[in-house]
């Protein structure tokens, strides 16, 4: 089965241009296939699983998902929480990406805590790999996972972007009840 065409658009954010690639979801709305801090869609396509990788992409003037990105940048750090995302891999990675979406803004985990949150406390490297292989940056918030020493660790889009995201979320995170 050939994946359908996808659409992409870019919006300016404080740490740099942010591009998102979407395709049609089952309900007719957009589903994110990939996203990141670049204005070059060609940087995003290789990280989409081959079974989901679109055969072509078309530039869109605007995509509704970018409204959530703009709200996030404006301070509503929960605006990204319900954006539909589609990624494929093995069972652990797919589960880990779902678990990443439960790490609250302003409350980052360490890789060890994230591994435990995934139900595999000794799988710290696998947890780090899930972050590294995440195609849908921001919407699957791998930036919310830190090194065991509290250091930033890695980030596909650079540690200055990760630092900005963490600081922004710390400033705007909802106060727990």
Protein backbone atom coordinates (compact mmCIF):
# COMPACT_ATOMS: atom_id res chain seq x y z
CA UNK A 1 0.00 0.00 0.00
CA UNK A 2 1.41 3.37 -1.01
CA UNK A 3 1.26 6.08 1.67
CA UNK A 4 -0.79 9.12 0.62
CA UNK A 5 0.73 12.47 -0.16
CA UNK A 6 1.51 14.67 2.79
CA UNK A 7 1.47 18.40 3.39
CA UNK A 8 3.97 20.54 5.24
CA UNK A 9 4.21 24.07 6.54
CA UNK A 10 6.65 26.11 8.57
CA UNK A 11 6.09 28.67 11.31
CA UNK A 12 8.55 30.97 13.05
CA UNK A 13 9.27 30.15 16.72
CA UNK A 14 11.75 31.78 19.14
CA UNK A 15 14.35 28.99 18.75
CA UNK A 16 13.97 28.95 14.95
CA UNK A 17 11.71 27.83 12.11
CA UNK A 18 9.48 24.87 12.98
CA UNK A 19 8.21 22.60 10.21
CA UNK A 20 5.51 19.98 10.48
CA UNK A 21 4.57 17.21 8.03
CA UNK A 22 1.00 15.92 8.19
CA UNK A 23 -1.18 13.41 6.41
CA UNK A 24 -4.89 12.64 6.57
CA UNK A 25 -6.05 10.90 9.72
CA UNK A 26 -8.88 8.37 9.93
CA UNK A 27 -11.36 11.09 10.95
CA UNK A 28 -10.31 13.37 8.08
CA UNK A 29 -8.22 15.64 10.32
CA UNK A 30 -4.47 16.01 10.09
CA UNK A 31 -2.07 13.58 11.77
CA UNK A 32 1.56 14.59 12.38
CA UNK A 33 4.16 12.33 10.75
CA UNK A 34 7.21 14.46 11.56
CA UNK A 35 8.09 17.81 13.04
CA UNK A 36 11.19 19.75 14.02
CA UNK A 37 13.19 22.95 14.07
CA UNK A 38 14.11 23.31 10.42
CA UNK A 39 12.74 25.07 7.38
CA UNK A 40 13.84 22.18 5.14
CA UNK A 41 11.22 19.44 4.89
CA UNK A 42 13.90 17.14 3.44
CA UNK A 43 15.44 16.95 6.94
CA UNK A 44 12.19 15.53 8.31
CA UNK A 45 11.26 12.90 5.74
CA UNK A 46 14.09 10.42 6.51
CA UNK A 47 12.93 10.07 10.13
CA UNK A 48 9.42 9.00 9.09
CA UNK A 49 9.10 5.20 9.20
CA UNK A 50 9.30 3.78 5.68
CA UNK A 51 5.74 2.38 5.92
CA UNK A 52 4.43 5.90 6.60
CA UNK A 53 6.85 7.94 4.50
CA UNK A 54 4.85 9.91 1.94
CA UNK A 55 5.63 9.50 -1.75
CA UNK A 56 5.53 13.28 -2.10
CA UNK A 57 4.87 16.35 0.01
CA UNK A 58 3.10 19.56 -0.88
CA UNK A 59 3.71 22.91 0.78
CA UNK A 60 0.65 24.34 2.51
CA UNK A 61 0.24 28.00 3.37
CA UNK A 62 -1.10 27.00 6.77
CA UNK A 63 -1.95 23.80 8.63
CA UNK A 64 -4.36 23.75 11.60
CA UNK A 65 -1.74 21.93 13.70
CA UNK A 66 0.40 25.07 13.57
CA UNK A 67 -2.30 26.83 15.63
CA UNK A 68 -1.32 24.48 18.49
CA UNK A 69 2.37 25.33 17.95
CA UNK A 70 1.63 29.05 18.03
CA UNK A 71 -0.47 28.62 21.20
CA UNK A 72 2.41 26.66 22.77
CA UNK A 73 4.86 29.44 21.92
CA UNK A 74 2.41 32.02 23.32
CA UNK A 75 2.47 30.19 26.68
CA UNK A 76 -0.23 27.50 26.47
CA UNK A 77 2.23 24.62 26.85
CA UNK A 78 -0.60 22.08 26.95
CA UNK A 79 -1.84 23.09 23.47
CA UNK A 80 0.27 20.33 21.88
CA UNK A 81 -1.00 17.53 24.13
CA UNK A 82 -3.89 16.31 21.99
CA UNK A 83 -2.42 16.78 18.53
CA UNK A 84 -2.71 13.41 16.74
CA UNK A 85 0.62 11.79 15.83
CA UNK A 86 1.40 8.65 13.81
CA UNK A 87 4.74 6.85 14.21
CA UNK A 88 5.73 3.24 13.57
CA UNK A 89 8.42 0.99 14.98
CA UNK A 90 8.67 -1.97 17.31
CA UNK A 91 6.42 -2.37 20.35
CA UNK A 92 8.81 -0.80 22.88
CA UNK A 93 9.41 2.36 20.83
CA UNK A 94 5.74 2.83 20.03
CA UNK A 95 4.84 2.40 23.71
CA UNK A 96 7.66 4.71 24.76
CA UNK A 97 6.44 7.45 22.43
CA UNK A 98 2.97 7.20 23.97
CA UNK A 99 4.52 7.36 27.44
CA UNK A 100 6.53 10.45 26.45
CA UNK A 101 3.25 12.22 25.83
CA UNK A 102 2.41 11.75 29.53
CA UNK A 103 5.52 13.56 30.84
CA UNK A 104 4.07 16.87 32.04
CA UNK A 105 5.40 20.20 30.80
CA UNK A 106 7.65 21.75 33.43
CA UNK A 107 8.38 18.38 35.07
CA UNK A 108 11.10 16.70 33.01
CA UNK A 109 12.13 13.10 33.63
CA UNK A 110 15.62 11.61 33.59
CA UNK A 111 16.28 8.83 31.09
CA UNK A 112 16.21 6.37 34.03
CA UNK A 113 12.86 7.70 35.29
CA UNK A 114 11.49 7.61 31.74
CA UNK A 115 12.60 3.96 31.38
CA UNK A 116 10.78 3.18 34.64
CA UNK A 117 7.71 5.10 33.43
CA UNK A 118 7.81 2.80 30.36
CA UNK A 119 7.73 -0.24 32.67
CA UNK A 120 11.35 -1.23 31.96
CA UNK A 121 13.50 0.45 34.63
CA UNK A 122 16.72 -1.21 33.43
CA UNK A 123 16.15 -0.18 29.79
CA UNK A 124 17.74 3.26 30.07
CA UNK A 125 19.52 3.00 26.70
CA UNK A 126 16.31 1.85 25.01
CA UNK A 127 14.51 4.83 26.55
CA UNK A 128 17.19 7.17 25.22
CA UNK A 129 16.88 5.49 21.81
CA UNK A 130 13.12 6.17 21.84
CA UNK A 131 13.88 9.86 22.31
CA UNK A 132 16.53 9.83 19.56
CA UNK A 133 14.22 8.10 17.06
CA UNK A 134 11.18 10.28 17.73
CA UNK A 135 10.09 11.88 14.44
CA UNK A 136 7.40 14.14 15.92
CA UNK A 137 9.42 16.56 18.05
CA UNK A 138 7.39 18.86 20.29
CA UNK A 139 4.18 16.80 19.97
CA UNK A 140 5.96 13.74 21.38
CA UNK A 141 8.02 15.77 23.86
CA UNK A 142 11.35 13.98 23.95
CA UNK A 143 12.89 17.28 25.04
CA UNK A 144 11.37 16.59 28.49
CA UNK A 145 13.90 13.83 29.19
CA UNK A 146 17.26 14.72 30.76
CA UNK A 147 20.47 12.93 31.61
CA UNK A 148 20.68 11.22 35.01
CA UNK A 149 23.02 14.00 36.14
CA UNK A 150 20.42 16.63 35.20
CA UNK A 151 22.32 17.58 32.04
CA UNK A 152 20.45 18.20 28.82
CA UNK A 153 21.60 15.05 27.06
CA UNK A 154 21.10 15.11 23.31
CA UNK A 155 18.41 16.55 21.06
CA UNK A 156 18.12 16.16 17.29
CA UNK A 157 17.45 19.88 16.90
CA UNK A 158 20.29 21.01 19.18
CA UNK A 159 20.64 21.63 22.87
CA UNK A 160 19.91 25.38 22.58
CA UNK A 161 16.42 24.48 21.27
CA UNK A 162 15.99 21.91 24.06
CA UNK A 163 17.07 24.48 26.67
CA UNK A 164 14.58 27.03 25.29
CA UNK A 165 11.75 24.46 25.37
CA UNK A 166 12.49 23.41 28.95
CA UNK A 167 12.77 27.02 30.17
CA UNK A 168 9.58 28.01 28.31
CA UNK A 169 7.67 25.07 29.78
CA UNK A 170 8.99 25.73 33.30
CA UNK A 171 7.79 29.33 33.02
CA UNK A 172 4.35 28.49 31.61
CA UNK A 173 3.52 25.03 33.01
CA UNK A 174 0.12 24.70 34.66
CA UNK A 175 0.31 24.64 38.43
CA UNK A 176 -0.52 21.12 39.68
CA UNK A 177 -3.77 20.93 41.65
